[in-house]
Amino acid sequence: MRFVDLSHTIEAAMPSYPGSPGPLFQPLASIGKDGFAEQRLILSSHTGTHVDLPSHILPASSSLDAFGIERFAGKGAAIDLRGIAGGLITVEALRSSEVLIKESDFLLLCSGWSQYWGSPDYYAGYPVLSSEAARWLTGFNLKGLGVDMISVDASDSVDFPVHRILLQKEILIIENILCPPLLFHSLFIFCCFPLKIAGAEASPIRAAALIEE
């Protein structure tokens, strides 16, 4: 079994959603002075590779507490969408993968947009699901949907329709994943375990794929 890391590194000056603060690292103790090292980490719950829960968008809906750990692992499938950068991801773009989607718990939409991680281009112009395609995906038994972009909605969105369509069906949203081509065309085990934070609407995760060699 091969482990493939699908998470971006949390570090100073990393990309953050516009308007959200980046992480802060504050030293509390050092080996030279105190005999041990310790630091305080100050993070947005949407830092880096993270999972969105329904309470992120929908009032009086489920937070992280409502989901057992089994909801964050399952069969994964990755769809190669690198040819449609800058456009809408339609039902037609997904339909050829329908058999694979039916067999999976987590669907990863791989646009190749992570190549812009760390540059201004990362924040806008990425492809997004059409509302029709998002509703089509709710017809499958998915636990979650992952994207290698900063959001499942367009950067200028104010009502976040794709978030709403998916989270109303308790389909978890995983944003800022890495999606290497070796994941394409076959199922793998996908894990996206969050920190166990009371009442959380989102959490950084360590996303990974386990692939049979």
Protein backbone atom coordinates (compact mmCIF):
# COMPACT_ATOMS: atom_id res chain seq x y z
CA MET A 1 0.00 0.00 0.00
CA ARG A 2 1.36 3.43 -0.99
CA PHE A 3 0.49 6.56 0.99
CA VAL A 4 0.09 9.78 -1.04
CA ASP A 5 -0.07 13.10 0.82
CA LEU A 6 -2.79 15.36 -0.63
CA SER A 7 -2.34 18.27 1.80
CA HIS A 8 -0.59 21.61 1.49
CA THR A 9 1.93 22.47 4.21
CA ILE A 10 0.72 24.92 6.86
CA GLU A 11 3.38 27.64 7.05
CA ALA A 12 3.83 31.37 7.40
CA ALA A 13 2.75 33.46 4.39
CA MET A 14 0.81 30.56 2.86
CA PRO A 15 -2.23 31.29 0.65
CA SER A 16 -5.43 32.08 2.55
CA TYR A 17 -8.93 32.81 1.33
CA PRO A 18 -9.16 36.58 0.67
CA GLY A 19 -10.13 38.29 3.91
CA SER A 20 -9.10 35.36 6.13
CA PRO A 21 -5.97 35.70 8.26
CA GLY A 22 -2.96 33.53 7.58
CA PRO A 23 -1.48 31.30 10.28
CA LEU A 24 0.71 32.71 13.04
CA PHE A 25 3.52 30.79 14.77
CA GLN A 26 4.54 32.18 18.16
CA PRO A 27 7.45 30.62 20.12
CA LEU A 28 6.63 29.82 23.73
CA ALA A 29 9.74 27.92 24.76
CA SER A 30 13.09 26.89 23.31
CA ILE A 31 15.41 23.97 23.99
CA GLY A 32 18.30 26.33 24.72
CA LYS A 33 16.39 28.38 27.30
CA ASP A 34 13.76 26.01 28.67
CA GLY A 35 14.99 22.53 27.81
CA PHE A 36 12.09 21.92 25.45
CA ALA A 37 10.51 23.53 22.40
CA GLU A 38 6.89 24.70 22.21
CA GLN A 39 4.99 27.15 20.05
CA ARG A 40 1.50 28.65 19.86
CA LEU A 41 -0.31 28.19 16.55
CA ILE A 42 -3.07 30.62 15.60
CA LEU A 43 -5.08 29.28 12.67
CA SER A 44 -8.31 30.01 10.88
CA SER A 45 -10.49 26.91 10.79
CA HIS A 46 -10.26 27.23 6.98
CA THR A 47 -6.46 27.20 6.84
CA GLY A 48 -4.87 25.32 3.97
CA THR A 49 -6.32 21.94 3.06
CA HIS A 50 -9.52 21.85 5.10
CA VAL A 51 -13.02 20.43 5.36
CA ASP A 52 -16.23 22.49 5.43
CA LEU A 53 -19.17 21.25 7.51
CA PRO A 54 -22.82 22.29 7.00
CA SER A 55 -22.68 24.88 9.82
CA HIS A 56 -20.13 26.82 7.73
CA ILE A 57 -22.96 28.13 5.53
CA LEU A 58 -26.31 26.89 6.84
CA PRO A 59 -27.84 28.20 10.09
CA ALA A 60 -28.87 25.65 12.73
CA SER A 61 -27.12 22.84 10.84
CA SER A 62 -24.58 20.17 11.74
CA SER A 63 -21.16 21.10 13.04
CA LEU A 64 -18.15 18.80 13.34
CA ASP A 65 -19.52 17.25 16.54
CA ALA A 66 -22.31 15.57 14.58
CA PHE A 67 -19.96 13.53 12.38
CA GLY A 68 -18.22 10.36 13.52
CA ILE A 69 -14.67 9.74 12.41
CA GLU A 70 -15.90 7.19 9.85
CA ARG A 71 -17.41 10.06 7.83
CA PHE A 72 -13.93 11.26 6.94
CA ALA A 73 -12.64 8.14 5.20
CA GLY A 74 -13.82 5.89 2.40
CA LYS A 75 -13.40 4.95 -1.22
CA GLY A 76 -12.10 7.83 -3.31
CA ALA A 77 -12.18 8.62 -7.01
CA ALA A 78 -10.39 11.43 -8.84
CA ILE A 79 -11.61 12.94 -12.12
CA ASP A 80 -9.19 14.59 -14.53
CA LEU A 81 -10.64 18.02 -15.34
CA ARG A 82 -7.41 19.75 -16.34
CA GLY A 83 -8.78 20.60 -19.78
CA ILE A 84 -11.50 22.97 -18.55
CA ALA A 85 -9.55 25.49 -16.46
CA GLY A 86 -11.41 28.78 -16.25
CA GLY A 87 -14.80 27.34 -17.13
CA LEU A 88 -17.80 25.64 -15.60
CA ILE A 89 -17.68 21.99 -14.61
CA THR A 90 -20.91 20.73 -16.14
CA VAL A 91 -22.88 17.52 -15.80
CA GLU A 92 -21.57 16.57 -19.24
CA ALA A 93 -17.98 16.87 -18.00
CA LEU A 94 -18.75 14.45 -15.18
CA ARG A 95 -21.09 11.99 -16.83
CA SER A 96 -18.35 9.86 -18.41
CA SER A 97 -17.15 9.09 -14.87
CA GLU A 98 -20.60 8.14 -13.58
CA VAL A 99 -19.72 4.50 -12.93
CA LEU A 100 -16.65 5.53 -10.90
CA ILE A 101 -18.65 8.13 -8.97
CA LYS A 102 -21.27 5.52 -8.04
CA GLU A 103 -18.55 3.33 -6.53
CA SER A 104 -16.92 6.11 -4.48
CA ASP A 105 -17.55 7.83 -1.16
CA PHE A 106 -15.37 10.83 -1.96
CA LEU A 107 -15.05 12.48 -5.34
CA LEU A 108 -12.00 14.64 -6.09
CA LEU A 109 -12.30 17.17 -8.91
CA CYS A 110 -8.77 17.62 -10.25
CA SER A 111 -8.44 20.78 -12.34
CA GLY A 112 -4.68 21.21 -12.02
CA TRP A 113 -5.26 24.56 -10.32
CA SER A 114 -2.92 23.68 -7.43
CA GLN A 115 -0.04 24.54 -9.79
CA TYR A 116 -0.85 28.18 -8.94
CA TRP A 117 -0.56 27.66 -5.18
CA GLY A 118 1.49 30.53 -3.77
CA SER A 119 0.82 32.89 -6.69
CA PRO A 120 -1.90 35.55 -7.14
CA ASP A 121 -3.42 33.46 -9.94
CA TYR A 122 -4.61 30.91 -7.36
CA TYR A 123 -7.39 33.16 -6.08
CA ALA A 124 -9.53 33.64 -9.19
CA GLY A 125 -10.34 32.13 -12.57
CA TYR A 126 -10.46 28.54 -11.35
CA PRO A 127 -13.19 26.23 -12.70
CA VAL A 128 -16.26 25.67 -10.55
CA LEU A 129 -19.19 23.29 -10.59
CA SER A 130 -22.35 24.55 -12.19
CA SER A 131 -25.33 24.49 -9.84
CA GLU A 132 -26.85 21.81 -12.10
CA ALA A 133 -23.75 19.64 -11.76
CA ALA A 134 -23.68 20.12 -7.98
CA ARG A 135 -27.32 19.01 -7.77
CA TRP A 136 -26.55 16.04 -10.03
CA LEU A 137 -23.80 14.93 -7.66
CA THR A 138 -26.19 15.00 -4.70
CA GLY A 139 -27.95 12.07 -6.38
CA PHE A 140 -24.98 9.85 -5.51
CA ASN A 141 -24.16 8.45 -2.10
CA LEU A 142 -21.16 10.71 -1.55
CA LYS A 143 -19.64 11.51 1.82
CA GLY A 144 -17.60 14.37 0.44
CA LEU A 145 -16.38 16.34 -2.54
CA GLY A 146 -12.80 17.60 -2.83
CA VAL A 147 -11.32 20.28 -5.10
CA ASP A 148 -7.78 21.44 -5.82
CA MET A 149 -8.96 25.05 -5.72
CA ILE A 150 -9.50 27.59 -2.95
CA SER A 151 -13.29 27.17 -3.06
CA VAL A 152 -16.08 25.20 -4.72
CA ASP A 153 -17.73 28.55 -5.52
CA ALA A 154 -16.45 31.34 -7.74
CA SER A 155 -14.23 33.95 -6.09
CA ASP A 156 -16.83 36.69 -6.62
CA SER A 157 -19.74 34.64 -5.25
CA VAL A 158 -21.79 36.22 -2.47
CA ASP A 159 -24.41 33.50 -1.91
CA PHE A 160 -22.18 30.40 -2.36
CA PRO A 161 -24.68 28.24 -4.26
CA VAL A 162 -22.45 25.15 -4.63
CA HIS A 163 -21.63 25.18 -0.92
CA ARG A 164 -25.33 25.35 -0.14
CA ILE A 165 -26.37 22.58 -2.54
CA LEU A 166 -23.76 20.16 -1.22
CA LEU A 167 -23.90 21.00 2.47
CA GLN A 168 -27.70 20.81 2.56
CA LYS A 169 -27.22 17.12 1.68
CA GLU A 170 -24.39 16.84 4.26
CA ILE A 171 -21.84 16.23 1.54
CA LEU A 172 -18.63 17.47 3.11
CA ILE A 173 -16.49 19.90 1.10
CA ILE A 174 -12.71 19.52 1.03
CA GLU A 175 -10.85 22.51 -0.41
CA ASN A 176 -7.20 23.13 -1.34
CA ILE A 177 -6.30 19.49 -1.94
CA LEU A 178 -3.40 18.24 -4.00
CA CYS A 179 -4.51 15.90 -6.77
CA PRO A 180 -1.66 14.10 -8.60
CA PRO A 181 -2.45 12.27 -11.86
CA LEU A 182 -1.57 8.90 -10.33
CA LEU A 183 -5.00 9.02 -8.66
CA PHE A 184 -6.89 9.08 -11.95
CA HIS A 185 -8.98 6.22 -13.36
CA SER A 186 -9.17 3.88 -10.35
CA LEU A 187 -10.48 3.79 -6.79
CA PHE A 188 -8.29 4.35 -3.74
CA ILE A 189 -8.78 4.84 -0.02
CA PHE A 190 -9.24 8.52 0.83
CA CYS A 191 -8.84 10.01 4.32
CA CYS A 192 -9.40 13.61 5.44
CA PHE A 193 -9.37 13.56 9.23
CA PRO A 194 -10.10 16.90 10.94
CA LEU A 195 -8.96 18.12 14.31
CA LYS A 196 -11.55 17.24 16.97
CA ILE A 197 -12.80 20.78 17.65
CA ALA A 198 -16.06 21.36 19.52
CA GLY A 199 -18.68 23.15 17.45
CA ALA A 200 -16.38 23.59 14.48
CA GLU A 201 -17.79 24.69 11.12
CA ALA A 202 -14.53 23.67 9.44
CA SER A 203 -11.11 22.28 10.28
CA PRO A 204 -7.69 21.88 8.73
CA ILE A 205 -7.16 18.26 7.71
CA ARG A 206 -4.38 15.92 6.66
CA ALA A 207 -5.79 14.52 3.44
CA ALA A 208 -4.20 11.37 2.05
CA ALA A 209 -4.81 8.60 -0.47
CA LEU A 210 -3.86 4.97 0.02
CA ILE A 211 -3.17 3.23 -3.29
CA GLU A 212 -2.61 -0.45 -4.01
CA GLU A 213 0.84 -0.95 -5.56
